[in-house]
PDB file of N, CA and C in Angstrom:
ATOM      1  N   MET A   1      -6.586 -15.841  -1.087  1.00  0.00           N
ATOM      2  CA  MET A   1      -7.448 -16.989  -1.197  1.00  0.00           C
ATOM      3  C   MET A   1      -6.876 -17.879  -2.303  1.00  0.00           C
ATOM      4  N   PHE A   2      -6.801 -19.155  -2.050  1.00  0.00           N
ATOM      5  CA  PHE A   2      -6.276 -20.079  -3.046  1.00  0.00           C
ATOM      6  C   PHE A   2      -7.275 -20.275  -4.178  1.00  0.00           C
ATOM      7  N   GLY A   3      -6.767 -20.566  -5.367  1.00  0.00           N
ATOM      8  CA  GLY A   3      -7.590 -20.706  -6.562  1.00  0.00           C
ATOM      9  C   GLY A   3      -8.670 -21.754  -6.449  1.00  0.00           C
ATOM     10  N   ASN A   4      -8.389 -22.848  -5.728  1.00  0.00           N
ATOM     11  CA  ASN A   4      -9.386 -23.906  -5.618  1.00  0.00           C
ATOM     12  C   ASN A   4     -10.605 -23.458  -4.818  1.00  0.00           C
ATOM     13  N   VAL A   5     -10.489 -22.378  -4.056  1.00  0.00           N
ATOM     14  CA  VAL A   5     -11.618 -21.791  -3.342  1.00  0.00           C
ATOM     15  C   VAL A   5     -12.099 -20.537  -4.055  1.00  0.00           C
ATOM     16  N   ALA A   6     -11.175 -19.711  -4.512  1.00  0.00           N
ATOM     17  CA  ALA A   6     -11.517 -18.418  -5.101  1.00  0.00           C
ATOM     18  C   ALA A   6     -12.304 -18.544  -6.405  1.00  0.00           C
ATOM     19  N   VAL A   7     -11.888 -19.404  -7.293  1.00  0.00           N
ATOM     20  CA  VAL A   7     -12.560 -19.512  -8.600  1.00  0.00           C
ATOM     21  C   VAL A   7     -14.014 -19.951  -8.444  1.00  0.00           C
ATOM     22  N   PRO A   8     -14.334 -20.978  -7.640  1.00  0.00           N
ATOM     23  CA  PRO A   8     -15.744 -21.312  -7.454  1.00  0.00           C
ATOM     24  C   PRO A   8     -16.550 -20.157  -6.852  1.00  0.00           C
ATOM     25  N   LEU A   9     -15.957 -19.391  -5.936  1.00  0.00           N
ATOM     26  CA  LEU A   9     -16.662 -18.249  -5.354  1.00  0.00           C
ATOM     27  C   LEU A   9     -16.914 -17.175  -6.407  1.00  0.00           C
ATOM     28  N   LEU A  10     -15.930 -16.928  -7.271  1.00  0.00           N
ATOM     29  CA  LEU A  10     -16.125 -15.964  -8.356  1.00  0.00           C
ATOM     30  C   LEU A  10     -17.264 -16.399  -9.267  1.00  0.00           C
ATOM     31  N   LYS A  11     -17.295 -17.673  -9.576  1.00  0.00           N
ATOM     32  CA  LYS A  11     -18.354 -18.195 -10.433  1.00  0.00           C
ATOM     33  C   LYS A  11     -19.712 -18.093  -9.747  1.00  0.00           C
ATOM     34  N   MET A  12     -19.752 -18.295  -8.445  1.00  0.00           N
ATOM     35  CA  MET A  12     -21.003 -18.160  -7.701  1.00  0.00           C
ATOM     36  C   MET A  12     -21.508 -16.722  -7.710  1.00  0.00           C
ATOM     37  N   MET A  13     -20.598 -15.757  -7.903  1.00  0.00           N
ATOM     38  CA  MET A  13     -20.976 -14.350  -7.979  1.00  0.00           C
ATOM     39  C   MET A  13     -21.434 -13.970  -9.380  1.00  0.00           C
ATOM     40  N   GLY A  14     -21.428 -14.916 -10.308  1.00  0.00           N
ATOM     41  CA  GLY A  14     -21.841 -14.633 -11.670  1.00  0.00           C
ATOM     42  C   GLY A  14     -20.697 -14.227 -12.576  1.00  0.00           C
ATOM     43  N   HIS A  15     -19.476 -14.292 -12.086  1.00  0.00           N
ATOM     44  CA  HIS A  15     -18.294 -13.963 -12.886  1.00  0.00           C
ATOM     45  C   HIS A  15     -17.805 -15.232 -13.579  1.00  0.00           C
ATOM     46  N   SER A  16     -17.054 -15.064 -14.633  1.00  0.00           N
ATOM     47  CA  SER A  16     -16.546 -16.222 -15.377  1.00  0.00           C
ATOM     48  C   SER A  16     -15.508 -17.016 -14.595  1.00  0.00           C
ATOM     49  N   GLY A  17     -14.886 -16.389 -13.603  1.00  0.00           N
ATOM     50  CA  GLY A  17     -13.841 -17.050 -12.833  1.00  0.00           C
ATOM     51  C   GLY A  17     -12.459 -16.864 -13.415  1.00  0.00           C
ATOM     52  N   THR A  18     -12.345 -15.998 -14.411  1.00  0.00           N
ATOM     53  CA  THR A  18     -11.035 -15.764 -15.011  1.00  0.00           C
ATOM     54  C   THR A  18     -10.121 -15.004 -14.052  1.00  0.00           C
ATOM     55  N   VAL A  19      -8.849 -15.306 -14.161  1.00  0.00           N
ATOM     56  CA  VAL A  19      -7.821 -14.651 -13.364  1.00  0.00           C
ATOM     57  C   VAL A  19      -6.753 -14.181 -14.322  1.00  0.00           C
ATOM     58  N   PRO A  20      -6.415 -12.901 -14.346  1.00  0.00           N
ATOM     59  CA  PRO A  20      -6.918 -11.805 -13.518  1.00  0.00           C
ATOM     60  C   PRO A  20      -8.327 -11.395 -13.934  1.00  0.00           C
ATOM     61  N   GLY A  21      -8.969 -10.624 -13.048  1.00  0.00           N
ATOM     62  CA  GLY A  21     -10.321 -10.155 -13.323  1.00  0.00           C
ATOM     63  C   GLY A  21     -10.686  -9.004 -12.409  1.00  0.00           C
ATOM     64  N   ALA A  22     -11.922  -8.512 -12.587  1.00  0.00           N
ATOM     65  CA  ALA A  22     -12.374  -7.378 -11.783  1.00  0.00           C
ATOM     66  C   ALA A  22     -13.888  -7.296 -11.809  1.00  0.00           C
ATOM     67  N   LEU A  23     -14.419  -6.645 -10.792  1.00  0.00           N
ATOM     68  CA  LEU A  23     -15.833  -6.276 -10.739  1.00  0.00           C
ATOM     69  C   LEU A  23     -15.903  -4.796 -10.410  1.00  0.00           C
ATOM     70  N   LEU A  24     -16.705  -4.064 -11.151  1.00  0.00           N
ATOM     71  CA  LEU A  24     -16.895  -2.641 -10.887  1.00  0.00           C
ATOM     72  C   LEU A  24     -17.784  -2.475  -9.664  1.00  0.00           C
ATOM     73  N   VAL A  25     -17.607  -1.372  -8.966  1.00  0.00           N
ATOM     74  CA  VAL A  25     -18.383  -1.116  -7.760  1.00  0.00           C
ATOM     75  C   VAL A  25     -19.883  -1.157  -8.056  1.00  0.00           C
ATOM     76  N   THR A  26     -20.295  -0.765  -9.240  1.00  0.00           N
ATOM     77  CA  THR A  26     -21.716  -0.788  -9.589  1.00  0.00           C
ATOM     78  C   THR A  26     -22.256  -2.213  -9.712  1.00  0.00           C
ATOM     79  N   ASP A  27     -21.370  -3.180  -9.965  1.00  0.00           N
ATOM     80  CA  ASP A  27     -21.776  -4.582 -10.096  1.00  0.00           C
ATOM     81  C   ASP A  27     -21.673  -5.358  -8.785  1.00  0.00           C
ATOM     82  N   LEU A  28     -21.028  -4.777  -7.785  1.00  0.00           N
ATOM     83  CA  LEU A  28     -20.764  -5.505  -6.537  1.00  0.00           C
ATOM     84  C   LEU A  28     -22.017  -5.882  -5.753  1.00  0.00           C
ATOM     85  N   PRO A  29     -23.015  -5.005  -5.600  1.00  0.00           N
ATOM     86  CA  PRO A  29     -24.190  -5.426  -4.818  1.00  0.00           C
ATOM     87  C   PRO A  29     -24.882  -6.661  -5.392  1.00  0.00           C
ATOM     88  N   ALA A  30     -25.028  -6.714  -6.703  1.00  0.00           N
ATOM     89  CA  ALA A  30     -25.666  -7.878  -7.331  1.00  0.00           C
ATOM     90  C   ALA A  30     -24.792  -9.121  -7.176  1.00  0.00           C
ATOM     91  N   ALA A  31     -23.484  -8.962  -7.342  1.00  0.00           N
ATOM     92  CA  ALA A  31     -22.566 -10.094  -7.206  1.00  0.00           C
ATOM     93  C   ALA A  31     -22.579 -10.620  -5.766  1.00  0.00           C
ATOM     94  N   LEU A  32     -22.586  -9.719  -4.800  1.00  0.00           N
ATOM     95  CA  LEU A  32     -22.616 -10.110  -3.389  1.00  0.00           C
ATOM     96  C   LEU A  32     -23.919 -10.837  -3.066  1.00  0.00           C
ATOM     97  N   ALA A  33     -25.030 -10.308  -3.528  1.00  0.00           N
ATOM     98  CA  ALA A  33     -26.331 -10.942  -3.273  1.00  0.00           C
ATOM     99  C   ALA A  33     -26.385 -12.336  -3.886  1.00  0.00           C
ATOM    100  N   LEU A  34     -25.874 -12.472  -5.102  1.00  0.00           N
ATOM    101  CA  LEU A  34     -25.861 -13.773  -5.776  1.00  0.00           C
ATOM    102  C   LEU A  34     -24.974 -14.767  -5.027  1.00  0.00           C
ATOM    103  N   LEU A  35     -23.808 -14.311  -4.597  1.00  0.00           N
ATOM    104  CA  LEU A  35     -22.897 -15.172  -3.833  1.00  0.00           C
ATOM    105  C   LEU A  35     -23.569 -15.652  -2.543  1.00  0.00           C
ATOM    106  N   GLN A  36     -24.160 -14.727  -1.804  1.00  0.00           N
ATOM    107  CA  GLN A  36     -24.795 -15.104  -0.545  1.00  0.00           C
ATOM    108  C   GLN A  36     -25.965 -16.053  -0.773  1.00  0.00           C
ATOM    109  N   GLN A  37     -26.729 -15.814  -1.811  1.00  0.00           N
ATOM    110  CA  GLN A  37     -27.858 -16.698  -2.128  1.00  0.00           C
ATOM    111  C   GLN A  37     -27.359 -18.100  -2.464  1.00  0.00           C
ATOM    112  N   ARG A  38     -26.352 -18.185  -3.302  1.00  0.00           N
ATOM    113  CA  ARG A  38     -25.840 -19.493  -3.717  1.00  0.00           C
ATOM    114  C   ARG A  38     -25.134 -20.214  -2.583  1.00  0.00           C
ATOM    115  N   LEU A  39     -24.471 -19.492  -1.699  1.00  0.00           N
ATOM    116  CA  LEU A  39     -23.836 -20.134  -0.547  1.00  0.00           C
ATOM    117  C   LEU A  39     -24.888 -20.712   0.393  1.00  0.00           C
ATOM    118  N   THR A  40     -25.987 -20.023   0.576  1.00  0.00           N
ATOM    119  CA  THR A  40     -27.064 -20.498   1.436  1.00  0.00           C
ATOM    120  C   THR A  40     -27.672 -21.773   0.884  1.00  0.00           C
ATOM    121  N   VAL A  41     -27.799 -21.841  -0.429  1.00  0.00           N
ATOM    122  CA  VAL A  41     -28.415 -22.993  -1.076  1.00  0.00           C
ATOM    123  C   VAL A  41     -27.472 -24.184  -1.123  1.00  0.00           C
ATOM    124  N   THR A  42     -26.184 -23.947  -1.318  1.00  0.00           N
ATOM    125  CA  THR A  42     -25.257 -25.042  -1.597  1.00  0.00           C
ATOM    126  C   THR A  42     -24.461 -25.558  -0.408  1.00  0.00           C
ATOM    127  N   THR A  43     -24.477 -24.856   0.733  1.00  0.00           N
ATOM    128  CA  THR A  43     -23.654 -25.311   1.850  1.00  0.00           C
ATOM    129  C   THR A  43     -24.486 -25.462   3.116  1.00  0.00           C
ATOM    130  N   PRO A  44     -24.122 -26.414   3.969  1.00  0.00           N
ATOM    131  CA  PRO A  44     -24.843 -26.560   5.231  1.00  0.00           C
ATOM    132  C   PRO A  44     -24.618 -25.343   6.121  1.00  0.00           C
ATOM    133  N   LYS A  45     -25.582 -25.061   6.986  1.00  0.00           N
ATOM    134  CA  LYS A  45     -25.516 -23.856   7.815  1.00  0.00           C
ATOM    135  C   LYS A  45     -24.347 -23.856   8.785  1.00  0.00           C
ATOM    136  N   ASN A  46     -23.952 -25.013   9.283  1.00  0.00           N
ATOM    137  CA  ASN A  46     -22.863 -25.026  10.266  1.00  0.00           C
ATOM    138  C   ASN A  46     -21.485 -25.058   9.624  1.00  0.00           C
ATOM    139  N   ASN A  47     -21.403 -25.209   8.308  1.00  0.00           N
ATOM    140  CA  ASN A  47     -20.151 -25.165   7.549  1.00  0.00           C
ATOM    141  C   ASN A  47     -19.182 -26.301   7.843  1.00  0.00           C
ATOM    142  N   ILE A  48     -19.519 -27.173   8.760  1.00  0.00           N
ATOM    143  CA  ILE A  48     -18.636 -28.288   9.082  1.00  0.00           C
ATOM    144  C   ILE A  48     -19.453 -29.562   9.006  1.00  0.00           C
ATOM    145  N   ASN A  49     -18.983 -30.511   8.238  1.00  0.00           N
ATOM    146  CA  ASN A  49     -19.664 -31.793   8.099  1.00  0.00           C
ATOM    147  C   ASN A  49     -19.548 -32.551   9.421  1.00  0.00           C
ATOM    148  N   PRO A  50     -20.694 -32.884  10.080  1.00  0.00           N
ATOM    149  CA  PRO A  50     -20.609 -33.545  11.387  1.00  0.00           C
ATOM    150  C   PRO A  50     -19.917 -34.897  11.343  1.00  0.00           C
ATOM    151  N   ASP A  51     -20.080 -35.643  10.236  1.00  0.00           N
ATOM    152  CA  ASP A  51     -19.412 -36.944  10.121  1.00  0.00           C
ATOM    153  C   ASP A  51     -17.900 -36.768  10.073  1.00  0.00           C
ATOM    154  N   VAL A  52     -17.459 -35.780   9.289  1.00  0.00           N
ATOM    155  CA  VAL A  52     -16.021 -35.504   9.202  1.00  0.00           C
ATOM    156  C   VAL A  52     -15.519 -34.993  10.536  1.00  0.00           C
ATOM    157  N   GLN A  53     -16.316 -34.138  11.191  1.00  0.00           N
ATOM    158  CA  GLN A  53     -15.893 -33.595  12.481  1.00  0.00           C
ATOM    159  C   GLN A  53     -15.719 -34.710  13.508  1.00  0.00           C
ATOM    160  N   ALA A  54     -16.655 -35.659  13.543  1.00  0.00           N
ATOM    161  CA  ALA A  54     -16.544 -36.772  14.486  1.00  0.00           C
ATOM    162  C   ALA A  54     -15.303 -37.612  14.200  1.00  0.00           C
ATOM    163  N   ASP A  55     -15.055 -37.905  12.921  1.00  0.00           N
ATOM    164  CA  ASP A  55     -13.864 -38.663  12.542  1.00  0.00           C
ATOM    165  C   ASP A  55     -12.597 -37.912  12.924  1.00  0.00           C
ATOM    166  N   ASN A  56     -12.591 -36.587  12.683  1.00  0.00           N
ATOM    167  CA  ASN A  56     -11.416 -35.786  12.978  1.00  0.00           C
ATOM    168  C   ASN A  56     -11.150 -35.705  14.474  1.00  0.00           C
ATOM    169  N   ASN A  57     -12.208 -35.680  15.272  1.00  0.00           N
ATOM    170  CA  ASN A  57     -12.016 -35.631  16.722  1.00  0.00           C
ATOM    171  C   ASN A  57     -11.326 -36.884  17.219  1.00  0.00           C
ATOM    172  N   GLU A  58     -11.608 -38.007  16.582  1.00  0.00           N
ATOM    173  CA  GLU A  58     -10.975 -39.263  16.981  1.00  0.00           C
ATOM    174  C   GLU A  58      -9.518 -39.316  16.553  1.00  0.00           C
ATOM    175  N   THR A  59      -9.204 -38.723  15.401  1.00  0.00           N
ATOM    176  CA  THR A  59      -7.838 -38.776  14.889  1.00  0.00           C
ATOM    177  C   THR A  59      -7.010 -37.568  15.301  1.00  0.00           C
ATOM    178  N   GLY A  60      -7.682 -36.515  15.802  1.00  0.00           N
ATOM    179  CA  GLY A  60      -6.962 -35.324  16.220  1.00  0.00           C
ATOM    180  C   GLY A  60      -6.704 -34.334  15.100  1.00  0.00           C
ATOM    181  N   SER A  61      -7.239 -34.585  13.900  1.00  0.00           N
ATOM    182  CA  SER A  61      -7.023 -33.647  12.801  1.00  0.00           C
ATOM    183  C   SER A  61      -8.088 -32.557  12.812  1.00  0.00           C
ATOM    184  N   ALA A  62      -7.834 -31.490  12.076  1.00  0.00           N
ATOM    185  CA  ALA A  62      -8.748 -30.346  12.031  1.00  0.00           C
ATOM    186  C   ALA A  62     -10.019 -30.694  11.261  1.00  0.00           C
ATOM    187  N   PRO A  63     -11.156 -30.078  11.633  1.00  0.00           N
ATOM    188  CA  PRO A  63     -12.400 -30.343  10.918  1.00  0.00           C
ATOM    189  C   PRO A  63     -12.382 -29.758   9.513  1.00  0.00           C
ATOM    190  N   SER A  64     -13.188 -30.324   8.632  1.00  0.00           N
ATOM    191  CA  SER A  64     -13.336 -29.818   7.276  1.00  0.00           C
ATOM    192  C   SER A  64     -14.121 -28.510   7.311  1.00  0.00           C
ATOM    193  N   ILE A  65     -13.616 -27.490   6.639  1.00  0.00           N
ATOM    194  CA  ILE A  65     -14.255 -26.178   6.645  1.00  0.00           C
ATOM    195  C   ILE A  65     -15.068 -26.013   5.368  1.00  0.00           C
ATOM    196  N   GLY A  66     -16.322 -25.599   5.497  1.00  0.00           N
ATOM    197  CA  GLY A  66     -17.220 -25.428   4.365  1.00  0.00           C
ATOM    198  C   GLY A  66     -16.914 -24.185   3.552  1.00  0.00           C
ATOM    199  N   LEU A  67     -17.467 -24.151   2.359  1.00  0.00           N
ATOM    200  CA  LEU A  67     -17.223 -23.050   1.435  1.00  0.00           C
ATOM    201  C   LEU A  67     -17.765 -21.725   1.964  1.00  0.00           C
ATOM    202  N   SER A  68     -18.916 -21.740   2.628  1.00  0.00           N
ATOM    203  CA  SER A  68     -19.469 -20.475   3.118  1.00  0.00           C
ATOM    204  C   SER A  68     -18.583 -19.847   4.188  1.00  0.00           C
ATOM    205  N   LEU A  69     -17.930 -20.661   4.988  1.00  0.00           N
ATOM    206  CA  LEU A  69     -17.000 -20.117   5.980  1.00  0.00           C
ATOM    207  C   LEU A  69     -15.744 -19.578   5.295  1.00  0.00           C
ATOM    208  N   ARG A  70     -15.276 -20.266   4.282  1.00  0.00           N
ATOM    209  CA  ARG A  70     -14.113 -19.783   3.527  1.00  0.00           C
ATOM    210  C   ARG A  70     -14.427 -18.499   2.765  1.00  0.00           C
ATOM    211  N   ALA A  71     -15.716 -18.289   2.440  1.00  0.00           N
ATOM    212  CA  ALA A  71     -16.134 -17.094   1.696  1.00  0.00           C
ATOM    213  C   ALA A  71     -16.232 -15.862   2.580  1.00  0.00           C
ATOM    214  N   TRP A  72     -16.244 -16.037   3.896  1.00  0.00           N
ATOM    215  CA  TRP A  72     -16.445 -14.915   4.812  1.00  0.00           C
ATOM    216  C   TRP A  72     -15.497 -13.733   4.555  1.00  0.00           C
ATOM    217  N   PRO A  73     -14.186 -13.923   4.390  1.00  0.00           N
ATOM    218  CA  PRO A  73     -13.315 -12.769   4.111  1.00  0.00           C
ATOM    219  C   PRO A  73     -13.685 -12.060   2.806  1.00  0.00           C
ATOM    220  N   LEU A  74     -14.068 -12.812   1.790  1.00  0.00           N
ATOM    221  CA  LEU A  74     -14.472 -12.206   0.520  1.00  0.00           C
ATOM    222  C   LEU A  74     -15.748 -11.398   0.701  1.00  0.00           C
ATOM    223  N   ILE A  75     -16.700 -11.938   1.438  1.00  0.00           N
ATOM    224  CA  ILE A  75     -17.956 -11.224   1.680  1.00  0.00           C
ATOM    225  C   ILE A  75     -17.690  -9.914   2.415  1.00  0.00           C
ATOM    226  N   GLN A  76     -16.830  -9.946   3.411  1.00  0.00           N
ATOM    227  CA  GLN A  76     -16.485  -8.723   4.144  1.00  0.00           C
ATOM    228  C   GLN A  76     -15.768  -7.716   3.243  1.00  0.00           C
ATOM    229  N   LEU A  77     -14.901  -8.213   2.376  1.00  0.00           N
ATOM    230  CA  LEU A  77     -14.206  -7.343   1.426  1.00  0.00           C
ATOM    231  C   LEU A  77     -15.208  -6.682   0.484  1.00  0.00           C
ATOM    232  N   LEU A  78     -16.191  -7.445   0.003  1.00  0.00           N
ATOM    233  CA  LEU A  78     -17.197  -6.893  -0.909  1.00  0.00           C
ATOM    234  C   LEU A  78     -18.046  -5.833  -0.219  1.00  0.00           C
ATOM    235  N   TYR A  79     -18.450  -6.091   1.026  1.00  0.00           N
ATOM    236  CA  TYR A  79     -19.195  -5.075   1.774  1.00  0.00           C
ATOM    237  C   TYR A  79     -18.382  -3.788   1.914  1.00  0.00           C
ATOM    238  N   ALA A  80     -17.111  -3.918   2.257  1.00  0.00           N
ATOM    239  CA  ALA A  80     -16.246  -2.743   2.431  1.00  0.00           C
ATOM    240  C   ALA A  80     -16.063  -1.999   1.113  1.00  0.00           C
ATOM    241  N   ALA A  81     -15.877  -2.723   0.023  1.00  0.00           N
ATOM    242  CA  ALA A  81     -15.699  -2.082  -1.281  1.00  0.00           C
ATOM    243  C   ALA A  81     -16.953  -1.321  -1.689  1.00  0.00           C
ATOM    244  N   ILE A  82     -18.120  -1.905  -1.430  1.00  0.00           N
ATOM    245  CA  ILE A  82     -19.378  -1.228  -1.746  1.00  0.00           C
ATOM    246  C   ILE A  82     -19.511   0.037  -0.903  1.00  0.00           C
ATOM    247  N   GLU A  83     -19.253  -0.096   0.386  1.00  0.00           N
ATOM    248  CA  GLU A  83     -19.385   1.041   1.299  1.00  0.00           C
ATOM    249  C   GLU A  83     -18.452   2.188   0.931  1.00  0.00           C
ATOM    250  N   GLN A  84     -17.239   1.845   0.508  1.00  0.00           N
ATOM    251  CA  GLN A  84     -16.237   2.868   0.215  1.00  0.00           C
ATOM    252  C   GLN A  84     -16.199   3.260  -1.259  1.00  0.00           C
ATOM    253  N   GLY A  85     -16.977   2.576  -2.094  1.00  0.00           N
ATOM    254  CA  GLY A  85     -17.047   2.940  -3.510  1.00  0.00           C
ATOM    255  C   GLY A  85     -15.865   2.475  -4.348  1.00  0.00           C
ATOM    256  N   TYR A  86     -15.293   1.320  -4.024  1.00  0.00           N
ATOM    257  CA  TYR A  86     -14.138   0.804  -4.759  1.00  0.00           C
ATOM    258  C   TYR A  86     -14.514  -0.377  -5.648  1.00  0.00           C
ATOM    259  N   ASP A  87     -13.835  -0.482  -6.781  1.00  0.00           N
ATOM    260  CA  ASP A  87     -13.905  -1.673  -7.615  1.00  0.00           C
ATOM    261  C   ASP A  87     -13.073  -2.766  -6.932  1.00  0.00           C
ATOM    262  N   VAL A  88     -13.321  -4.016  -7.299  1.00  0.00           N
ATOM    263  CA  VAL A  88     -12.538  -5.129  -6.757  1.00  0.00           C
ATOM    264  C   VAL A  88     -11.820  -5.802  -7.919  1.00  0.00           C
ATOM    265  N   MET A  89     -10.520  -5.946  -7.777  1.00  0.00           N
ATOM    266  CA  MET A  89      -9.695  -6.580  -8.804  1.00  0.00           C
ATOM    267  C   MET A  89      -8.905  -7.707  -8.176  1.00  0.00           C
ATOM    268  N   TRP A  90      -8.602  -8.733  -8.961  1.00  0.00           N
ATOM    269  CA  TRP A  90      -7.805  -9.837  -8.460  1.00  0.00           C
ATOM    270  C   TRP A  90      -6.873 -10.332  -9.542  1.00  0.00           C
ATOM    271  N   GLU A  91      -5.805 -10.930  -9.069  1.00  0.00           N
ATOM    272  CA  GLU A  91      -4.833 -11.568  -9.968  1.00  0.00           C
ATOM    273  C   GLU A  91      -4.280 -12.773  -9.242  1.00  0.00           C
ATOM    274  N   GLU A  92      -3.564 -13.600  -9.949  1.00  0.00           N
ATOM    275  CA  GLU A  92      -2.990 -14.786  -9.308  1.00  0.00           C
ATOM    276  C   GLU A  92      -2.020 -14.347  -8.229  1.00  0.00           C
ATOM    277  N   GLY A  93      -2.236 -14.867  -7.038  1.00  0.00           N
ATOM    278  CA  GLY A  93      -1.358 -14.542  -5.925  1.00  0.00           C
ATOM    279  C   GLY A  93      -1.739 -13.302  -5.154  1.00  0.00           C
ATOM    280  N   ALA A  94      -2.799 -12.553  -5.582  1.00  0.00           N
ATOM    281  CA  ALA A  94      -3.171 -11.331  -4.863  1.00  0.00           C
ATOM    282  C   ALA A  94      -4.619 -10.977  -5.131  1.00  0.00           C
ATOM    283  N   LEU A  95      -5.244 -10.338  -4.146  1.00  0.00           N
ATOM    284  CA  LEU A  95      -6.572  -9.771  -4.301  1.00  0.00           C
ATOM    285  C   LEU A  95      -6.404  -8.287  -4.007  1.00  0.00           C
ATOM    286  N   LEU A  96      -6.730  -7.455  -4.954  1.00  0.00           N
ATOM    287  CA  LEU A  96      -6.499  -6.027  -4.831  1.00  0.00           C
ATOM    288  C   LEU A  96      -7.820  -5.286  -4.780  1.00  0.00           C
ATOM    289  N   VAL A  97      -7.873  -4.262  -3.961  1.00  0.00           N
ATOM    290  CA  VAL A  97      -9.080  -3.419  -3.904  1.00  0.00           C
ATOM    291  C   VAL A  97      -8.671  -2.004  -4.249  1.00  0.00           C
TER     292      VAL A  97
END
């Protein structure tokens, strides 16, 4: 995940957004719940701005993707880490579990 997306998501989870960083498995459920709550509040449900989508259809460019859709891989990673009992660590250029 690129920093311009990853750092805001980390901050939405209640983390400082520092890179490198980590969350312990015991902290993951609260971080995941906070992320999901904040994504619901801050992003539209369809994740694509209809005005941008209409403009893009005319020009042939790809639609703008919302933050909640970009967060989906992170959310799945957090669920898996919780289920398997792993901490989550990240560094620039890599996300490690």
